[in-house]
Amino acid sequence: EVQLVESGGGSVQAGGSLRLSCAASGFTFGEYAIGWFRQAPGNAREGVSCISNRDGTTYHAEYVEGRFTISSDNAKNMVYLQMNNLKPDDTAVYYCAATDLSSHPILVVSTGCGIYEYDYWGQGTQVTVSS
């Protein structure tokens, strides 16, 4: 059974930092792509950052480029999202999601995090940034 468990959310002031963690289990970690997505109240869920565990390719959305960094530890089955210089607009529930790259042969991580390409989702962790 695929399981994704997020942690590390919390409340910070603008300009602060948080590191989110995603603990993955139940699948061959190195054959999956993992993504971080977020959803603010009243907004659609959007892709933030994604990584291919097969080759390490990453993608960061333009609204977090230069502030957020996704990384993966294949030995620990963990994915991290380091978030620096947080802004109030970053306030949202952050979700970790996974997809089997073998099931999505045309998925190219470097071009974006397509919500509909990710098949497994965690429960989410709240990030609140105050001004």
Foldseek 3Di string as FASTA:
>chain_A
DWAWAKDWADEEAAQAKIKMKIAIDDDQLQQKKKFKWWDDVPGDIFTAKIAHSVPGDMAGDPVQPPFWDWDADNVRRMIMIIGGRDDQVVWTWMKMFMAGCVVVVVDDRHVGDDPVRTDGIHPTDTHGYHD
